[in-house]
Amino acid sequence: MFTALRIAAHRDVVLVTKGAIGEGSTAWAQGGIAAAVGADDTVAAHVLDTLEAGAGLVDPDVARAVCTDGPARIADLAALGVTFDRVGDHLALAREGAHSRSRVVHAGGDATGRHVAGALVAAVRAEPRIRVADRTRVLDLLTDDRGIRGVTLRGPAGDEDLFTRVVVLATGGAGHMFSRTTNPLGATADGPALARRAGAALADMEMVQFHPTALAVGASPLPLVSEAVRGAGGVLRDVHGRAVMDGVHPLGDLGPRDVVAREVWRRARDTGADVVMDLSHLDPAKVHGRFPAVAALCAAHGIDLARDQVPVTPAAHYAMGGILTDLAGRSTVPGLWAVGECAATGLHGANRLASNSLLEAVALAERAAADVVAGGGPAPGPRAEPVAAITGHADAEHVRNEVGLLMWHGCGLERDARELGNTLDALHAVPAPADPEAAGLLEIARLTVRAAAERDESRGAHFRTDFTSADPARAHRIAWAGDLPHHLDAAGHGLATTITETA
């Protein structure tokens, strides 16, 4: 929506969404937006935290650019009508995992995403140069020898081709590759699947962030217990009352998400019972006042956030990987841009820093929109011939369920070569569905397993039980053009102009 608004100042825009406008992961975001706006904070400190969380794979140029953009983008959102929480005349700032400062700007306590999405929906609806095509799916990207030439849509009136030389993908994540996820139902890897079929390179596909604290109730999507709850003093405990993170990481419950998620998963496995979040030592009124959305989610399941032991589980939360882009959001296919979670810019590396996701989304939206208006070309990097879509006749729901279970058990928080091989074989045995969305999910799941097998080390969110340490020689990103992996030439230095094929 932010991208559309910025482009609409210069051109007509069609905004296509398969649900209703405003649905998606943004509206579900609880924590907030990380930005160096505090009196005790600096962009340099924010960059350092981003680099450290990303475990050697963050592009420092991208981190500096996005973190530098942060304060201005917060001001832009406020100008669009987002009412951020304040203490007196100053923005209220929360601290989340792996941040060295309190720098997370929030709205409505723990309802930041809903406030941001609501303001943007209102602005989009008021913009005459934006036409919203909701309840409409993009079935495919149309290409020719010049690059993008349009999209094939399926909407309430049937199928149609829309011809354009500019497509910006902002399709969100891929959480429903896994049976446990915090993502809304629409997070089915649509953008990467579309881009891959058009010949664009994908990158960092093995890097999937599992949030440590989804509410362990019912089926996916699982409600999220925001990281800010631990930032306010929540303690993770096992069934015996022991603090889970004691002695595991210097930051304890506010350690990097990959470290906390694996420890929660292991403790639940070893004890045979869910880990719980304990806030009973805090003032109940303050807990409910600061986290009204989380409290309401808990109450819907008969749990008092402030007094009860809240059962939590890791769940697939964020795809660090996606469509390989540069800082202007350009993919390796002319005419195709990507912003937000579906893009792999190099900001997040092997482990996204908390609340850097909404920051990246709005920062890259601004940059991509400016590049679209200026008529920018493709990013340097690998590119393949368009890849044929998986087509068949299998039931879509069956395929999605099979993919979710296989990925959770075989390519989840801990991985090894044997399980990855078995999982890939099993995914190839899953019958091809008739539904393009389910087919794309299956396609990206297969590539994710291949990427996890390709990285024979442990780094950030990618943990291999057969290679438990990070290998300094593997401190580089891996891109995929078609079915071929390519190593980007230097750790953390953007898109390579010279690509070396690994195998």
Protein backbone atom coordinates (compact mmCIF):
# COMPACT_ATOMS: atom_id res chain seq x y z
CA MET A 1 0.00 0.00 0.00
CA PHE A 2 2.85 2.41 0.80
CA THR A 3 4.47 1.59 -2.56
CA ALA A 4 1.20 2.14 -4.39
CA LEU A 5 0.66 5.49 -2.71
CA ARG A 6 4.13 6.70 -3.61
CA ILE A 7 3.86 5.58 -7.26
CA ALA A 8 0.34 7.04 -7.56
CA ALA A 9 1.77 10.52 -7.19
CA HIS A 10 3.13 9.98 -10.73
CA ARG A 11 1.26 7.09 -12.40
CA ASP A 12 -1.95 5.11 -12.29
CA VAL A 13 -1.71 1.96 -10.17
CA VAL A 14 -3.69 -1.25 -9.92
CA LEU A 15 -3.35 -2.81 -6.47
CA VAL A 16 -4.21 -6.54 -6.61
CA THR A 17 -4.90 -8.46 -3.40
CA LYS A 18 -6.22 -12.00 -3.11
CA GLY A 19 -8.16 -11.12 0.05
CA ALA A 20 -9.62 -7.83 1.20
CA ILE A 21 -7.35 -4.81 1.17
CA GLY A 22 -5.57 -4.51 4.53
CA GLU A 23 -5.52 -8.24 5.22
CA GLY A 24 -2.13 -9.90 5.58
CA SER A 25 0.78 -10.01 7.96
CA THR A 26 1.11 -6.24 8.47
CA ALA A 27 -2.18 -6.03 10.33
CA TRP A 28 -1.07 -8.92 12.57
CA ALA A 29 2.20 -7.27 13.64
CA GLN A 30 2.15 -6.63 17.37
CA GLY A 31 5.57 -5.37 18.39
CA GLY A 32 6.18 -2.29 16.27
CA ILE A 33 8.74 -0.69 13.98
CA ALA A 34 12.42 -0.46 14.90
CA ALA A 35 13.93 2.99 14.31
CA ALA A 36 16.71 4.99 15.93
CA VAL A 37 14.55 7.84 17.21
CA GLY A 38 15.41 7.76 20.92
CA ALA A 39 17.65 10.33 22.58
CA ASP A 40 20.09 7.57 23.63
CA ASP A 41 20.06 5.82 20.25
CA THR A 42 21.99 6.13 16.99
CA VAL A 43 21.69 4.70 13.52
CA ALA A 44 25.12 3.14 14.03
CA ALA A 45 23.87 1.25 17.09
CA HIS A 46 20.83 0.03 15.18
CA VAL A 47 23.06 -1.13 12.32
CA LEU A 48 25.36 -2.98 14.74
CA ASP A 49 22.44 -4.80 16.35
CA THR A 50 21.14 -5.76 12.90
CA LEU A 51 24.55 -7.10 11.85
CA GLU A 52 25.02 -9.09 15.04
CA ALA A 53 21.56 -10.66 14.87
CA GLY A 54 22.09 -11.62 11.21
CA ALA A 55 25.04 -13.89 12.06
CA GLY A 56 27.43 -12.84 9.32
CA LEU A 57 25.07 -12.72 6.32
CA VAL A 58 23.68 -9.17 6.58
CA ASP A 59 24.70 -6.81 3.80
CA PRO A 60 26.12 -3.84 5.80
CA ASP A 61 25.35 -1.36 3.02
CA VAL A 62 21.69 -2.39 3.08
CA ALA A 63 21.60 -2.28 6.89
CA ARG A 64 23.03 1.24 6.95
CA ALA A 65 20.63 2.47 4.30
CA VAL A 66 17.49 0.98 5.84
CA CYS A 67 18.36 1.96 9.42
CA THR A 68 19.19 5.48 8.24
CA ASP A 69 15.77 5.67 6.56
CA GLY A 70 13.96 4.62 9.74
CA PRO A 71 13.21 7.97 11.42
CA ALA A 72 11.98 9.57 8.18
CA ARG A 73 9.69 6.63 7.42
CA ILE A 74 8.18 6.81 10.93
CA ALA A 75 7.43 10.48 10.23
CA ASP A 76 5.86 9.53 6.88
CA LEU A 77 3.56 6.98 8.52
CA ALA A 78 2.56 9.51 11.17
CA ALA A 79 1.74 11.99 8.39
CA LEU A 80 -0.49 9.32 6.81
CA GLY A 81 -2.45 9.06 10.04
CA VAL A 82 -0.73 6.41 12.17
CA THR A 83 -1.05 7.54 15.80
CA PHE A 84 2.02 6.17 17.52
CA ASP A 85 2.04 5.77 21.30
CA ARG A 86 3.70 8.58 23.19
CA VAL A 87 4.98 9.45 26.63
CA GLY A 88 4.43 13.17 26.89
CA ASP A 89 5.88 14.77 23.77
CA HIS A 90 8.09 11.82 22.93
CA LEU A 91 7.45 8.55 21.12
CA ALA A 92 7.07 5.62 23.51
CA LEU A 93 9.81 3.09 22.79
CA ALA A 94 9.90 -0.61 23.67
CA ARG A 95 12.87 -2.95 23.78
CA GLU A 96 12.82 -6.32 22.04
CA GLY A 97 15.16 -9.27 21.65
CA ALA A 98 18.77 -8.60 20.51
CA HIS A 99 18.29 -4.80 20.59
CA SER A 100 20.80 -2.85 22.67
CA ARG A 101 18.36 0.05 23.08
CA SER A 102 14.66 0.67 23.47
CA ARG A 103 13.87 1.65 19.88
CA VAL A 104 10.64 -0.08 18.87
CA VAL A 105 7.95 2.47 18.00
CA HIS A 106 4.44 1.13 18.58
CA ALA A 107 0.77 2.07 18.29
CA GLY A 108 -2.20 0.94 20.33
CA GLY A 109 0.11 -0.88 22.73
CA ASP A 110 0.59 -4.15 20.90
CA ALA A 111 -1.60 -3.36 17.87
CA THR A 112 0.95 -1.50 15.73
CA GLY A 113 0.31 -3.44 12.54
CA ARG A 114 -3.44 -2.93 12.72
CA HIS A 115 -2.98 0.83 13.14
CA VAL A 116 -0.48 1.03 10.26
CA ALA A 117 -2.63 -1.07 7.93
CA GLY A 118 -5.76 0.91 8.81
CA ALA A 119 -4.15 4.26 8.03
CA LEU A 120 -2.75 2.98 4.73
CA VAL A 121 -6.09 1.47 3.67
CA ALA A 122 -7.76 4.82 4.26
CA ALA A 123 -5.08 6.63 2.26
CA VAL A 124 -5.29 4.13 -0.62
CA ARG A 125 -9.07 4.38 -0.79
CA ALA A 126 -8.79 8.17 -0.94
CA GLU A 127 -6.27 8.12 -3.81
CA PRO A 128 -8.08 8.38 -7.18
CA ARG A 129 -5.11 7.04 -9.16
CA ILE A 130 -5.18 3.67 -7.35
CA ARG A 131 -7.66 1.01 -8.46
CA VAL A 132 -8.02 -1.80 -5.95
CA ALA A 133 -8.71 -5.26 -7.37
CA ASP A 134 -9.49 -7.29 -4.27
CA ARG A 135 -10.56 -10.94 -4.03
CA THR A 136 -8.26 -11.34 -7.04
CA ARG A 137 -5.29 -13.65 -7.47
CA VAL A 138 -2.25 -13.32 -9.70
CA LEU A 139 -1.95 -16.66 -11.47
CA ASP A 140 1.23 -15.89 -13.38
CA LEU A 141 3.63 -13.22 -14.54
CA LEU A 142 3.74 -12.70 -18.31
CA THR A 143 7.20 -12.23 -19.82
CA ASP A 144 8.90 -11.70 -23.16
CA ASP A 145 12.48 -11.02 -24.26
CA ARG A 146 12.29 -7.56 -22.64
CA GLY A 147 11.19 -8.89 -19.24
CA ILE A 148 7.80 -8.41 -17.60
CA ARG A 149 4.87 -7.70 -19.94
CA GLY A 150 1.92 -8.27 -17.62
CA VAL A 151 0.06 -10.54 -15.23
CA THR A 152 -2.70 -13.11 -15.50
CA LEU A 153 -5.43 -12.43 -12.95
CA ARG A 154 -8.29 -14.52 -11.59
CA GLY A 155 -10.99 -12.41 -9.96
CA PRO A 156 -14.72 -12.48 -9.34
CA ALA A 157 -15.40 -11.91 -13.04
CA GLY A 158 -13.05 -14.68 -14.21
CA ASP A 159 -9.55 -14.74 -15.73
CA GLU A 160 -7.96 -11.82 -17.56
CA ASP A 161 -4.54 -10.63 -18.70
CA LEU A 162 -3.43 -7.19 -17.52
CA PHE A 163 -0.57 -5.82 -19.62
CA THR A 164 2.10 -3.69 -17.96
CA ARG A 165 5.87 -3.34 -17.98
CA VAL A 166 6.01 -2.74 -14.21
CA VAL A 167 5.04 -5.24 -11.51
CA VAL A 168 5.87 -4.82 -7.83
CA LEU A 169 5.39 -7.94 -5.71
CA ALA A 170 4.52 -7.35 -2.04
CA THR A 171 2.97 -10.72 -1.26
CA GLY A 172 4.26 -11.35 2.26
CA GLY A 173 5.70 -14.55 3.62
CA ALA A 174 5.64 -18.33 3.37
CA GLY A 175 4.67 -19.42 6.88
CA HIS A 176 2.15 -21.98 5.66
CA MET A 177 4.96 -24.11 4.33
CA PHE A 178 5.00 -25.29 7.96
CA SER A 179 2.22 -26.88 9.99
CA ARG A 180 2.92 -24.46 12.86
CA THR A 181 2.98 -20.80 11.91
CA THR A 182 1.91 -17.40 13.18
CA ASN A 183 1.19 -16.17 9.64
CA PRO A 184 -2.27 -15.45 8.23
CA LEU A 185 -3.70 -17.97 5.79
CA GLY A 186 -2.56 -15.97 2.76
CA ALA A 187 1.16 -16.42 3.53
CA THR A 188 1.78 -19.15 0.96
CA ALA A 189 5.00 -18.07 -0.81
CA ASP A 190 3.08 -16.58 -3.75
CA GLY A 191 5.64 -13.90 -4.63
CA PRO A 192 8.74 -16.13 -4.73
CA ALA A 193 6.82 -18.77 -6.70
CA LEU A 194 5.67 -16.21 -9.29
CA ALA A 195 9.13 -14.65 -9.56
CA ARG A 196 10.87 -18.02 -9.86
CA ARG A 197 8.56 -19.06 -12.70
CA ALA A 198 9.42 -15.77 -14.46
CA GLY A 199 13.15 -16.56 -14.19
CA ALA A 200 14.07 -14.25 -11.28
CA ALA A 201 16.70 -15.31 -8.76
CA LEU A 202 15.70 -16.19 -5.21
CA ALA A 203 18.06 -16.06 -2.23
CA ASP A 204 18.49 -17.07 1.42
CA MET A 205 15.71 -19.66 1.10
CA GLU A 206 17.08 -21.80 3.94
CA MET A 207 16.72 -18.91 6.39
CA VAL A 208 13.29 -19.22 8.01
CA GLN A 209 12.74 -17.49 11.34
CA PHE A 210 10.76 -19.39 13.94
CA HIS A 211 9.24 -17.12 16.56
CA PRO A 212 9.90 -18.52 20.05
CA THR A 213 6.50 -17.71 21.53
CA ALA A 214 3.37 -18.52 19.61
CA LEU A 215 0.39 -19.33 21.82
CA ALA A 216 0.31 -23.15 21.97
CA VAL A 217 -3.42 -23.58 21.36
CA GLY A 218 -5.39 -24.98 18.44
CA ALA A 219 -4.36 -25.14 14.79
CA SER A 220 -2.39 -22.67 12.68
CA PRO A 221 -2.33 -19.77 12.37
CA LEU A 222 -1.25 -19.66 16.01
CA PRO A 223 -1.69 -16.37 17.93
CA LEU A 224 1.57 -14.57 18.59
CA VAL A 225 2.79 -13.65 22.06
CA SER A 226 4.87 -10.61 21.10
CA GLU A 227 8.56 -10.37 21.86
CA ALA A 228 7.71 -7.15 23.67
CA VAL A 229 6.04 -9.26 26.38
CA ARG A 230 9.47 -10.62 27.28
CA GLY A 231 10.88 -7.13 26.90
CA ALA A 232 8.45 -6.02 29.62
CA GLY A 233 9.66 -8.74 32.00
CA GLY A 234 7.99 -11.99 30.92
CA VAL A 235 10.03 -15.09 31.80
CA LEU A 236 10.07 -18.39 29.89
CA ARG A 237 9.81 -21.41 32.21
CA ASP A 238 9.65 -25.16 31.66
CA VAL A 239 7.14 -27.51 33.27
CA HIS A 240 9.37 -27.72 36.37
CA GLY A 241 9.42 -23.94 36.82
CA ARG A 242 13.02 -23.53 35.68
CA ALA A 243 13.90 -20.41 33.67
CA VAL A 244 14.52 -21.75 30.18
CA MET A 245 17.13 -19.19 29.10
CA ASP A 246 19.25 -19.19 32.27
CA GLY A 247 22.85 -19.82 31.23
CA VAL A 248 21.94 -20.17 27.54
CA HIS A 249 22.57 -16.61 26.31
CA PRO A 250 23.85 -13.41 28.00
CA LEU A 251 20.62 -11.61 27.07
CA GLY A 252 18.49 -14.36 28.60
CA ASP A 253 14.86 -14.18 27.45
CA LEU A 254 15.77 -11.32 25.11
CA GLY A 255 18.40 -13.31 23.23
CA PRO A 256 18.25 -13.59 19.43
CA ARG A 257 15.11 -15.26 18.18
CA ASP A 258 16.89 -18.26 16.71
CA VAL A 259 18.62 -19.04 20.03
CA VAL A 260 15.46 -18.61 22.12
CA ALA A 261 13.28 -20.56 19.67
CA ARG A 262 15.61 -23.57 19.59
CA GLU A 263 15.91 -23.64 23.37
CA VAL A 264 12.12 -23.47 23.82
CA TRP A 265 11.71 -26.26 21.27
CA ARG A 266 14.37 -28.45 22.91
CA ARG A 267 13.04 -27.91 26.43
CA ALA A 268 9.51 -28.86 25.35
CA ARG A 269 10.88 -31.94 23.58
CA ASP A 270 13.00 -33.02 26.53
CA THR A 271 10.33 -32.47 29.21
CA GLY A 272 7.35 -33.58 27.15
CA ALA A 273 5.41 -30.40 28.02
CA ASP A 274 5.01 -26.91 26.63
CA VAL A 275 7.21 -24.12 27.87
CA VAL A 276 5.20 -21.30 29.48
CA MET A 277 5.46 -17.53 29.63
CA ASP A 278 5.28 -16.28 33.22
CA LEU A 279 4.21 -12.70 33.98
CA SER A 280 2.71 -13.40 37.39
CA HIS A 281 5.43 -11.34 39.11
CA LEU A 282 4.37 -8.17 37.24
CA ASP A 283 1.57 -5.69 37.94
CA PRO A 284 -1.55 -7.20 36.28
CA ALA A 285 -3.03 -3.80 35.42
CA LYS A 286 0.16 -2.77 33.63
CA VAL A 287 0.36 -6.08 31.76
CA HIS A 288 -3.20 -5.78 30.49
CA GLY A 289 -2.76 -2.08 29.70
CA ARG A 290 0.45 -2.58 27.71
CA PHE A 291 -0.66 -5.74 25.86
CA PRO A 292 -4.41 -5.53 25.28
CA ALA A 293 -4.32 -7.54 22.03
CA VAL A 294 -2.24 -10.40 23.47
CA ALA A 295 -4.38 -10.41 26.61
CA ALA A 296 -7.52 -10.69 24.48
CA LEU A 297 -6.05 -13.55 22.44
CA CYS A 298 -5.19 -15.38 25.65
CA ALA A 299 -8.60 -14.67 27.19
CA ALA A 300 -10.29 -16.22 24.15
CA HIS A 301 -8.65 -19.48 25.22
CA GLY A 302 -9.42 -19.10 28.93
CA ILE A 303 -5.95 -17.81 29.83
CA ASP A 304 -5.20 -14.71 31.91
CA LEU A 305 -1.99 -13.23 30.47
CA ALA A 306 -1.07 -11.53 33.74
CA ARG A 307 -1.78 -14.37 36.18
CA ASP A 308 -1.68 -17.72 34.36
CA GLN A 309 1.20 -19.71 32.96
CA VAL A 310 0.81 -19.06 29.23
CA PRO A 311 1.76 -22.08 27.05
CA VAL A 312 3.98 -21.17 24.10
CA THR A 313 5.63 -22.94 21.18
CA PRO A 314 7.98 -21.93 18.38
CA ALA A 315 6.26 -21.44 15.04
CA ALA A 316 7.31 -20.39 11.55
CA HIS A 317 7.14 -16.62 11.59
CA TYR A 318 9.21 -14.88 8.92
CA ALA A 319 10.98 -15.76 5.68
CA MET A 320 14.36 -14.04 5.54
CA GLY A 321 14.69 -15.44 2.03
CA GLY A 322 12.70 -14.60 -1.05
CA ILE A 323 13.13 -12.73 -4.32
CA LEU A 324 16.70 -11.48 -4.65
CA THR A 325 16.61 -7.67 -4.86
CA ASP A 326 18.90 -4.70 -4.57
CA LEU A 327 18.26 -1.61 -2.44
CA ALA A 328 15.82 -0.27 -5.02
CA GLY A 329 13.73 -3.43 -4.83
CA ARG A 330 14.79 -4.53 -8.33
CA SER A 331 14.74 -8.26 -9.05
CA THR A 332 17.00 -9.81 -11.70
CA VAL A 333 14.13 -9.71 -14.25
CA PRO A 334 13.51 -6.35 -15.98
CA GLY A 335 10.24 -4.79 -14.88
CA LEU A 336 9.89 -6.84 -11.69
CA TRP A 337 10.36 -5.31 -8.24
CA ALA A 338 9.70 -6.82 -4.81
CA VAL A 339 9.27 -5.26 -1.37
CA GLY A 340 8.56 -6.55 2.12
CA GLU A 341 8.80 -10.12 3.31
CA CYS A 342 8.70 -11.66 -0.17
CA ALA A 343 12.01 -9.90 -1.00
CA ALA A 344 15.51 -10.90 0.06
CA THR A 345 17.41 -7.62 0.31
CA GLY A 346 20.25 -8.77 2.56
CA LEU A 347 18.98 -6.80 5.56
CA HIS A 348 18.06 -9.78 7.70
CA GLY A 349 20.91 -12.17 6.99
CA ALA A 350 20.52 -15.44 8.87
CA ASN A 351 18.23 -14.06 11.58
CA ARG A 352 15.97 -11.00 11.39
CA LEU A 353 16.29 -8.48 14.18
CA ALA A 354 12.91 -8.01 15.89
CA SER A 355 10.73 -5.25 14.38
CA ASN A 356 13.05 -4.70 11.43
CA SER A 357 10.39 -6.23 9.16
CA LEU A 358 7.93 -3.33 9.07
CA LEU A 359 10.94 -1.00 8.88
CA GLU A 360 12.27 -2.78 5.80
CA ALA A 361 8.81 -2.89 4.22
CA VAL A 362 8.26 0.86 4.41
CA ALA A 363 11.90 1.77 3.63
CA LEU A 364 12.04 -0.45 0.53
CA ALA A 365 8.57 0.67 -0.52
CA GLU A 366 9.85 4.26 -0.66
CA ARG A 367 13.00 3.26 -2.56
CA ALA A 368 11.23 0.90 -4.97
CA ALA A 369 8.54 3.44 -5.78
CA ALA A 370 11.15 6.08 -6.58
CA ASP A 371 13.00 3.59 -8.81
CA VAL A 372 9.81 2.58 -10.64
CA VAL A 373 9.02 6.21 -11.37
CA ALA A 374 12.60 6.78 -12.56
CA GLY A 375 12.40 3.74 -14.86
CA GLY A 376 15.12 1.67 -13.19
CA GLY A 377 16.50 -1.51 -14.78
CA PRO A 378 17.04 -4.99 -13.34
CA ALA A 379 19.44 -5.75 -10.50
CA PRO A 380 22.69 -7.52 -11.32
CA GLY A 381 22.76 -11.19 -10.43
CA PRO A 382 21.76 -14.61 -11.72
CA ARG A 383 18.74 -15.13 -13.91
CA ALA A 384 17.21 -18.23 -15.46
CA GLU A 385 14.80 -19.03 -18.22
CA PRO A 386 11.18 -19.02 -17.03
CA VAL A 387 10.33 -22.17 -15.08
CA ALA A 388 7.21 -24.16 -15.91
CA ALA A 389 4.55 -24.25 -13.18
CA ILE A 390 3.76 -27.49 -11.38
CA THR A 391 0.39 -28.66 -12.65
CA GLY A 392 -1.77 -31.62 -11.71
CA HIS A 393 -5.12 -32.65 -10.32
CA ALA A 394 -4.52 -33.23 -6.58
CA ASP A 395 -6.68 -31.62 -3.91
CA ALA A 396 -5.16 -28.31 -2.81
CA GLU A 397 -5.95 -28.71 0.88
CA HIS A 398 -4.37 -32.17 0.94
CA VAL A 399 -1.21 -30.80 -0.69
CA ARG A 400 -0.97 -27.89 1.75
CA ASN A 401 -1.37 -30.22 4.74
CA GLU A 402 1.23 -32.63 3.41
CA VAL A 403 3.71 -29.83 2.75
CA GLY A 404 3.19 -28.33 6.23
CA LEU A 405 3.77 -31.59 8.10
CA LEU A 406 6.78 -32.60 6.00
CA MET A 407 8.46 -29.23 6.38
CA TRP A 408 7.80 -28.93 10.13
CA HIS A 409 9.31 -32.32 10.89
CA GLY A 410 12.05 -32.41 8.26
CA CYS A 411 13.14 -28.79 7.69
CA GLY A 412 12.19 -27.09 10.95
CA LEU A 413 14.21 -25.71 13.85
CA GLU A 414 16.84 -28.47 13.59
CA ARG A 415 17.92 -30.14 10.37
CA ASP A 416 20.33 -32.82 9.14
CA ALA A 417 21.29 -34.30 5.78
CA ARG A 418 19.33 -37.52 6.22
CA GLU A 419 16.07 -35.82 7.20
CA LEU A 420 16.47 -33.18 4.50
CA GLY A 421 17.00 -35.89 1.89
CA ASN A 422 13.97 -37.82 3.10
CA THR A 423 11.89 -34.65 3.15
CA LEU A 424 12.85 -33.69 -0.38
CA ASP A 425 12.00 -37.18 -1.62
CA ALA A 426 8.65 -37.00 0.16
CA LEU A 427 7.91 -33.55 -1.30
CA HIS A 428 8.62 -34.85 -4.79
CA ALA A 429 6.15 -37.65 -4.09
CA VAL A 430 3.39 -35.18 -3.17
CA PRO A 431 1.00 -35.13 -6.12
CA ALA A 432 0.83 -31.88 -8.09
CA PRO A 433 -2.30 -29.85 -7.30
CA ALA A 434 -4.63 -28.15 -9.73
CA ASP A 435 -4.60 -24.98 -7.63
CA PRO A 436 -1.75 -22.58 -8.62
CA GLU A 437 -1.32 -21.28 -5.06
CA ALA A 438 -0.84 -24.78 -3.61
CA ALA A 439 1.47 -25.63 -6.52
CA GLY A 440 3.61 -22.58 -5.75
CA LEU A 441 3.80 -23.54 -2.08
CA LEU A 442 4.98 -27.04 -3.01
CA GLU A 443 7.52 -25.61 -5.44
CA ILE A 444 9.02 -23.21 -2.89
CA ALA A 445 9.05 -25.91 -0.17
CA ARG A 446 11.16 -28.13 -2.41
CA LEU A 447 13.60 -25.29 -3.09
CA THR A 448 13.78 -24.42 0.63
CA VAL A 449 14.82 -27.99 1.47
CA ARG A 450 17.43 -27.94 -1.27
CA ALA A 451 18.79 -24.66 0.11
CA ALA A 452 18.93 -26.10 3.64
CA ALA A 453 20.89 -29.10 2.32
CA GLU A 454 23.24 -26.81 0.37
CA ARG A 455 24.29 -24.89 3.51
CA ASP A 456 26.27 -27.52 5.41
CA GLU A 457 26.87 -25.43 8.53
CA SER A 458 24.79 -23.90 11.33
CA ARG A 459 24.21 -20.15 11.11
CA GLY A 460 21.43 -18.07 12.65
CA ALA A 461 18.02 -19.60 12.07
CA HIS A 462 19.54 -22.46 10.04
CA PHE A 463 20.70 -25.15 12.49
CA ARG A 464 22.20 -28.42 11.27
CA THR A 465 22.68 -31.15 13.90
CA ASP A 466 25.29 -32.74 11.60
CA PHE A 467 27.20 -29.43 11.20
CA THR A 468 26.66 -27.66 14.51
CA SER A 469 29.12 -24.79 14.04
CA ALA A 470 29.32 -21.87 11.66
CA ASP A 471 31.90 -22.28 8.90
CA PRO A 472 33.72 -19.00 8.14
CA ALA A 473 34.11 -20.13 4.53
CA ARG A 474 30.31 -20.28 4.25
CA ALA A 475 29.70 -16.69 5.35
CA HIS A 476 28.03 -15.77 2.09
CA ARG A 477 24.51 -15.74 0.73
CA ILE A 478 23.23 -18.37 -1.66
CA ALA A 479 21.06 -17.40 -4.61
CA TRP A 480 19.06 -19.72 -6.84
CA ALA A 481 18.41 -19.17 -10.55
CA GLY A 482 16.15 -21.97 -11.67
CA ASP A 483 17.55 -25.06 -9.96
CA LEU A 484 21.16 -23.89 -9.83
CA PRO A 485 22.70 -22.48 -6.61
CA HIS A 486 25.05 -19.51 -6.88
CA HIS A 487 27.26 -18.04 -4.18
CA LEU A 488 27.13 -14.27 -4.04
CA ASP A 489 30.74 -13.19 -4.18
CA ALA A 490 31.26 -11.61 -0.76
CA ALA A 491 29.68 -11.81 2.67
CA GLY A 492 27.33 -8.91 3.15
CA HIS A 493 28.19 -6.82 0.13
CA GLY A 494 24.99 -6.80 -1.85
CA LEU A 495 24.45 -8.37 -5.24
CA ALA A 496 27.50 -9.75 -6.95
CA THR A 497 28.35 -8.65 -10.46
CA THR A 498 30.28 -11.89 -10.92
CA ILE A 499 28.44 -15.04 -9.90
CA THR A 500 30.23 -18.33 -9.37
CA GLU A 501 28.24 -21.52 -9.75
CA THR A 502 28.74 -24.00 -6.91
CA ALA A 503 27.25 -27.18 -8.35
